[in-house]
């Protein structure tokens, strides 16, 4: 072993001194406060006027299970409609046609700028503006018969989601290198064909992860459809507590089901993000 280097004259030897660790008093204090707050909340729920037997009783009630099924059906259908509209509007926003760009920008501005619950109420009360809906000379019907809670919820949630999805899709398309467009034009591909065959498949690597997050948000957003009497989870829970006055118990039941669904979807979203991230890394190499 090499001998230790001699210290310069006038400098003390610190090698034998203990290292003083900084005490993290703030960490311990903040952790203690958080534990106290959580304990107080748990104590309040334990000692509050909550009949936990009702929670366990209605957690698997038929009407609650039907509500969660309706919630998932609406979330899937509205998200599918939103994705289709989002792709169309994103393509219009990137079009050189000023009319298409203006219409797409106006659609995004309108449906992102107004509250979702307001849009749901407008769709549900559309009969006040258009008493009759149909195709002149072919088919017509009363709007109050056509605009059911299911259709109003689907249109309200789906069209609103389309405005947000269009921005996600547009960002994904802009992430594709301009050389891909030029290569498609060089081999004689038209604009729409290049979008379908070259640009969109590459953009999916960018847009799939945020779309998973948007779907989780859609599952929770379906609860707003309760205001137009769509029989989703929260609406069915409300109907029960209107009858038995067990408000907090039924709200806890609804909350537990939302947490369960989100807890299942979140790992699936993470797996999807990891898979597409691996594909991006392979292309980068």
Protein backbone atom coordinates (compact mmCIF):
# COMPACT_ATOMS: atom_id res chain seq x y z
CA UNK A 1 0.00 0.00 0.00
CA UNK A 2 1.16 3.50 -0.73
CA UNK A 3 1.82 5.67 2.32
CA UNK A 4 -0.66 8.42 2.95
CA UNK A 5 0.29 11.71 1.39
CA UNK A 6 1.67 14.21 3.85
CA UNK A 7 -0.47 17.22 4.60
CA UNK A 8 0.80 20.64 3.70
CA UNK A 9 2.15 22.64 6.58
CA UNK A 10 -0.50 24.52 8.51
CA UNK A 11 -3.42 22.18 7.63
CA UNK A 12 -4.78 19.91 10.42
CA UNK A 13 -5.29 16.18 9.86
CA UNK A 14 -9.07 15.58 9.61
CA UNK A 15 -8.97 11.90 8.65
CA UNK A 16 -9.75 10.70 12.14
CA UNK A 17 -12.72 12.98 12.73
CA UNK A 18 -16.32 11.72 12.55
CA UNK A 19 -18.58 12.99 9.78
CA UNK A 20 -21.46 14.97 11.26
CA UNK A 21 -24.73 14.18 9.51
CA UNK A 22 -27.24 16.96 9.04
CA UNK A 23 -30.33 16.37 11.18
CA UNK A 24 -33.45 16.42 8.99
CA UNK A 25 -35.82 17.84 11.58
CA UNK A 26 -38.22 19.20 8.95
CA UNK A 27 -38.63 15.76 7.38
CA UNK A 28 -39.48 14.17 10.71
CA UNK A 29 -41.84 17.02 11.60
CA UNK A 30 -43.68 16.91 8.27
CA UNK A 31 -43.96 13.09 8.44
CA UNK A 32 -45.37 13.33 11.98
CA UNK A 33 -47.91 15.94 10.90
CA UNK A 34 -49.02 13.81 7.95
CA UNK A 35 -49.44 10.77 10.21
CA UNK A 36 -51.48 12.83 12.68
CA UNK A 37 -53.74 14.18 9.93
CA UNK A 38 -54.31 10.69 8.49
CA UNK A 39 -55.00 9.31 11.96
CA UNK A 40 -57.52 12.09 12.60
CA UNK A 41 -59.29 11.38 9.29
CA UNK A 42 -59.37 7.63 10.03
CA UNK A 43 -60.73 8.31 13.54
CA UNK A 44 -63.42 10.59 12.11
CA UNK A 45 -64.57 7.90 9.68
CA UNK A 46 -64.43 5.23 12.38
CA UNK A 47 -66.42 7.22 14.94
CA UNK A 48 -68.68 9.11 12.53
CA UNK A 49 -72.29 8.29 11.82
CA UNK A 50 -71.41 5.78 9.12
CA UNK A 51 -73.06 2.38 9.00
CA UNK A 52 -70.28 0.29 7.46
CA UNK A 53 -72.66 -2.65 7.21
CA UNK A 54 -74.53 -0.71 4.52
CA UNK A 55 -71.28 -0.19 2.62
CA UNK A 56 -70.56 -3.93 2.50
CA UNK A 57 -74.21 -4.67 1.76
CA UNK A 58 -74.52 -2.37 -1.27
CA UNK A 59 -70.99 -2.81 -2.58
CA UNK A 60 -72.14 -5.79 -4.66
CA UNK A 61 -75.81 -4.85 -5.03
CA UNK A 62 -77.27 -5.58 -8.44
CA UNK A 63 -78.10 -1.97 -9.22
CA UNK A 64 -74.56 -0.89 -8.32
CA UNK A 65 -73.03 -3.60 -10.54
CA UNK A 66 -75.33 -2.54 -13.38
CA UNK A 67 -74.14 1.02 -12.83
CA UNK A 68 -70.46 0.11 -13.12
CA UNK A 69 -71.21 -1.85 -16.32
CA UNK A 70 -73.01 1.16 -17.79
CA UNK A 71 -70.12 3.37 -16.71
CA UNK A 72 -67.56 1.24 -18.54
CA UNK A 73 -69.74 0.88 -21.66
CA UNK A 74 -70.20 4.65 -21.86
CA UNK A 75 -66.49 5.29 -21.22
CA UNK A 76 -65.42 2.92 -24.02
CA UNK A 77 -67.95 4.22 -26.56
CA UNK A 78 -67.36 7.90 -25.75
CA UNK A 79 -63.58 7.43 -25.90
CA UNK A 80 -63.87 5.66 -29.26
CA UNK A 81 -65.97 8.53 -30.62
CA UNK A 82 -63.50 11.02 -29.19
CA UNK A 83 -60.54 9.30 -30.85
CA UNK A 84 -62.24 9.23 -34.26
CA UNK A 85 -63.18 12.90 -34.00
CA UNK A 86 -59.74 13.75 -32.65
CA UNK A 87 -57.98 12.20 -35.64
CA UNK A 88 -60.27 13.95 -38.12
CA UNK A 89 -59.92 17.34 -36.42
CA UNK A 90 -56.14 16.97 -36.07
CA UNK A 91 -55.83 16.25 -39.80
CA UNK A 92 -58.00 19.29 -40.52
CA UNK A 93 -55.83 21.48 -38.25
CA UNK A 94 -52.71 20.42 -40.20
CA UNK A 95 -54.38 20.88 -43.58
CA UNK A 96 -53.22 23.74 -45.84
CA UNK A 97 -56.91 24.49 -46.50
CA UNK A 98 -57.72 27.62 -44.43
CA UNK A 99 -61.43 26.71 -44.22
CA UNK A 100 -60.71 23.29 -42.69
CA UNK A 101 -58.15 24.78 -40.31
CA UNK A 102 -60.63 27.45 -39.16
CA UNK A 103 -63.47 24.97 -38.64
CA UNK A 104 -61.20 22.60 -36.68
CA UNK A 105 -59.83 25.43 -34.54
CA UNK A 106 -63.38 26.66 -33.85
CA UNK A 107 -64.51 23.16 -32.83
CA UNK A 108 -61.60 22.82 -30.42
CA UNK A 109 -62.17 26.32 -29.01
CA UNK A 110 -65.89 25.75 -28.45
CA UNK A 111 -65.84 22.35 -26.79
CA UNK A 112 -62.71 22.96 -24.72
CA UNK A 113 -63.97 26.35 -23.62
CA UNK A 114 -67.32 25.30 -22.14
CA UNK A 115 -67.90 23.02 -19.12
CA UNK A 116 -68.65 19.39 -19.85
CA UNK A 117 -71.71 19.36 -17.62
CA UNK A 118 -73.12 22.32 -19.58
CA UNK A 119 -72.64 20.43 -22.85
CA UNK A 120 -74.42 17.38 -21.42
CA UNK A 121 -77.39 19.49 -20.36
CA UNK A 122 -77.55 21.17 -23.78
CA UNK A 123 -77.58 17.84 -25.60
CA UNK A 124 -80.23 16.43 -23.26
CA UNK A 125 -82.46 19.48 -23.77
CA UNK A 126 -81.87 19.73 -27.52
CA UNK A 127 -85.61 19.33 -28.12
CA UNK A 128 -86.11 22.88 -26.85
CA UNK A 129 -84.15 24.13 -29.86
CA UNK A 130 -84.94 21.44 -32.46
CA UNK A 131 -88.35 19.90 -31.70
CA UNK A 132 -87.98 17.56 -34.70
CA UNK A 133 -84.85 15.80 -35.93
CA UNK A 134 -84.57 14.01 -39.24
CA UNK A 135 -83.79 14.05 -42.95
CA UNK A 136 -86.35 16.05 -44.95
CA UNK A 137 -88.47 13.76 -47.07
CA UNK A 138 -86.92 10.55 -45.68
CA UNK A 139 -87.19 10.35 -41.93
CA UNK A 140 -88.14 12.51 -38.98
CA UNK A 141 -88.80 12.04 -35.29
CA UNK A 142 -89.38 14.05 -32.19
CA UNK A 143 -86.09 15.13 -30.64
CA UNK A 144 -87.36 14.30 -27.16
CA UNK A 145 -87.74 10.66 -28.27
CA UNK A 146 -84.38 10.49 -30.05
CA UNK A 147 -82.23 12.29 -27.47
CA UNK A 148 -82.30 9.65 -24.75
CA UNK A 149 -79.99 9.92 -21.70
CA UNK A 150 -77.69 7.34 -23.32
CA UNK A 151 -77.38 9.24 -26.62
CA UNK A 152 -77.06 12.62 -24.91
CA UNK A 153 -74.30 11.28 -22.66
CA UNK A 154 -72.50 9.64 -25.59
CA UNK A 155 -72.59 12.80 -27.71
CA UNK A 156 -71.69 15.10 -24.85
CA UNK A 157 -68.77 13.02 -23.56
CA UNK A 158 -67.53 11.88 -26.98
CA UNK A 159 -67.61 15.24 -28.75
CA UNK A 160 -66.02 16.97 -25.77
CA UNK A 161 -63.29 14.32 -25.66
CA UNK A 162 -62.69 14.76 -29.38
CA UNK A 163 -61.61 18.36 -28.79
CA UNK A 164 -58.93 17.28 -26.30
CA UNK A 165 -57.89 14.21 -28.29
CA UNK A 166 -57.39 16.33 -31.41
CA UNK A 167 -54.63 18.27 -29.64
CA UNK A 168 -52.98 15.03 -28.54
CA UNK A 169 -53.16 13.64 -32.08
CA UNK A 170 -51.88 16.88 -33.58
CA UNK A 171 -48.89 16.82 -31.23
CA UNK A 172 -48.21 13.22 -32.23
CA UNK A 173 -48.32 14.03 -35.93
CA UNK A 174 -46.02 17.01 -35.47
CA UNK A 175 -43.54 14.75 -33.67
CA UNK A 176 -43.02 12.74 -36.88
CA UNK A 177 -39.98 13.98 -38.77
CA UNK A 178 -40.72 16.12 -41.81
CA UNK A 179 -38.53 13.77 -43.82
CA UNK A 180 -41.21 11.10 -43.52
CA UNK A 181 -43.68 13.36 -45.33
CA UNK A 182 -41.13 14.16 -48.00
CA UNK A 183 -40.25 10.48 -48.48
CA UNK A 184 -43.94 9.63 -48.91
CA UNK A 185 -44.34 12.35 -51.53
CA UNK A 186 -41.20 11.16 -53.30
CA UNK A 187 -42.69 7.70 -53.88
CA UNK A 188 -45.96 9.16 -55.16
CA UNK A 189 -48.15 8.83 -52.07
CA UNK A 190 -51.01 11.25 -51.66
CA UNK A 191 -51.42 13.26 -48.47
CA UNK A 192 -54.21 11.15 -46.96
CA UNK A 193 -52.52 7.87 -47.86
CA UNK A 194 -49.25 9.07 -46.34
CA UNK A 195 -51.08 10.00 -43.17
CA UNK A 196 -52.73 6.59 -42.96
CA UNK A 197 -49.75 4.44 -43.91
CA UNK A 198 -46.73 6.34 -42.60
CA UNK A 199 -47.50 9.28 -40.31
CA UNK A 200 -50.27 7.94 -38.06
CA UNK A 201 -48.53 4.60 -37.24
CA UNK A 202 -45.46 6.53 -36.10
CA UNK A 203 -47.52 9.11 -34.23
CA UNK A 204 -49.24 6.34 -32.26
CA UNK A 205 -46.04 5.79 -30.27
CA UNK A 206 -46.40 9.33 -28.94
CA UNK A 207 -50.17 9.56 -28.48
CA UNK A 208 -50.99 6.13 -26.99
CA UNK A 209 -49.68 6.90 -23.46
CA UNK A 210 -51.64 10.18 -23.02
CA UNK A 211 -54.72 8.55 -24.53
CA UNK A 212 -54.55 5.95 -21.76
CA UNK A 213 -54.58 8.76 -19.24
CA UNK A 214 -57.50 10.38 -21.06
CA UNK A 215 -59.46 7.12 -20.85
CA UNK A 216 -58.98 6.98 -17.08
CA UNK A 217 -60.31 10.52 -16.93
CA UNK A 218 -63.25 9.51 -19.11
CA UNK A 219 -64.24 6.74 -16.69
CA UNK A 220 -64.58 9.34 -13.94
CA UNK A 221 -66.17 11.93 -16.24
CA UNK A 222 -69.11 9.59 -16.89
CA UNK A 223 -70.31 10.46 -13.38
CA UNK A 224 -71.38 13.85 -14.78
CA UNK A 225 -73.97 12.01 -16.89
CA UNK A 226 -75.92 11.43 -13.69
CA UNK A 227 -77.39 14.94 -14.11
CA UNK A 228 -79.19 13.79 -17.27
CA UNK A 229 -80.44 10.55 -15.68
CA UNK A 230 -78.04 8.17 -17.39
CA UNK A 231 -77.95 5.07 -15.13
CA UNK A 232 -74.21 4.97 -14.47
CA UNK A 233 -72.60 4.15 -11.12
CA UNK A 234 -73.08 7.47 -9.32
CA UNK A 235 -76.65 7.91 -10.56
CA UNK A 236 -77.64 4.46 -9.29
CA UNK A 237 -75.97 5.15 -5.95
CA UNK A 238 -77.91 8.41 -5.70
CA UNK A 239 -81.19 6.62 -6.37
CA UNK A 240 -80.48 4.25 -3.49
CA UNK A 241 -79.62 6.94 -0.97
CA UNK A 242 -82.66 8.99 -2.01
CA UNK A 243 -84.68 6.00 -0.78
CA UNK A 244 -82.82 5.01 2.40
CA UNK A 245 -81.09 8.32 3.30
CA UNK A 246 -77.68 6.57 3.66
CA UNK A 247 -75.90 9.26 1.67
CA UNK A 248 -72.31 8.90 2.84
CA UNK A 249 -72.45 5.09 2.77
CA UNK A 250 -73.55 4.99 -0.88
CA UNK A 251 -71.02 7.65 -1.86
CA UNK A 252 -68.30 5.51 -0.26
CA UNK A 253 -69.54 2.53 -2.29
CA UNK A 254 -69.32 4.55 -5.52
CA UNK A 255 -65.89 5.86 -4.56
CA UNK A 256 -64.56 2.36 -3.85
CA UNK A 257 -65.72 1.15 -7.27
CA UNK A 258 -64.11 4.12 -9.05
CA UNK A 259 -60.87 3.47 -7.15
CA UNK A 260 -60.99 -0.21 -8.10
CA UNK A 261 -61.48 0.52 -11.81
CA UNK A 262 -58.72 3.15 -11.87
CA UNK A 263 -56.40 0.83 -9.90
CA UNK A 264 -56.87 -1.82 -12.61
CA UNK A 265 -56.47 0.58 -15.52
CA UNK A 266 -53.38 2.36 -14.18
CA UNK A 267 -51.01 -0.66 -14.35
CA UNK A 268 -52.35 -1.45 -17.82
CA UNK A 269 -51.57 2.10 -18.89
CA UNK A 270 -48.05 1.82 -17.44
CA UNK A 271 -47.45 -1.44 -19.33
CA UNK A 272 -48.66 0.19 -22.53
CA UNK A 273 -46.37 3.18 -22.00
CA UNK A 274 -43.41 0.89 -21.30
CA UNK A 275 -44.04 -1.12 -24.44
CA UNK A 276 -44.19 1.93 -26.69
CA UNK A 277 -41.19 3.45 -24.93
CA UNK A 278 -39.18 0.33 -25.81
CA UNK A 279 -40.26 0.69 -29.42
CA UNK A 280 -39.11 4.30 -29.44
CA UNK A 281 -35.74 3.37 -27.94
CA UNK A 282 -35.19 0.67 -30.55
CA UNK A 283 -35.86 3.16 -33.34
CA UNK A 284 -33.51 5.69 -31.69
CA UNK A 285 -30.67 3.16 -31.77
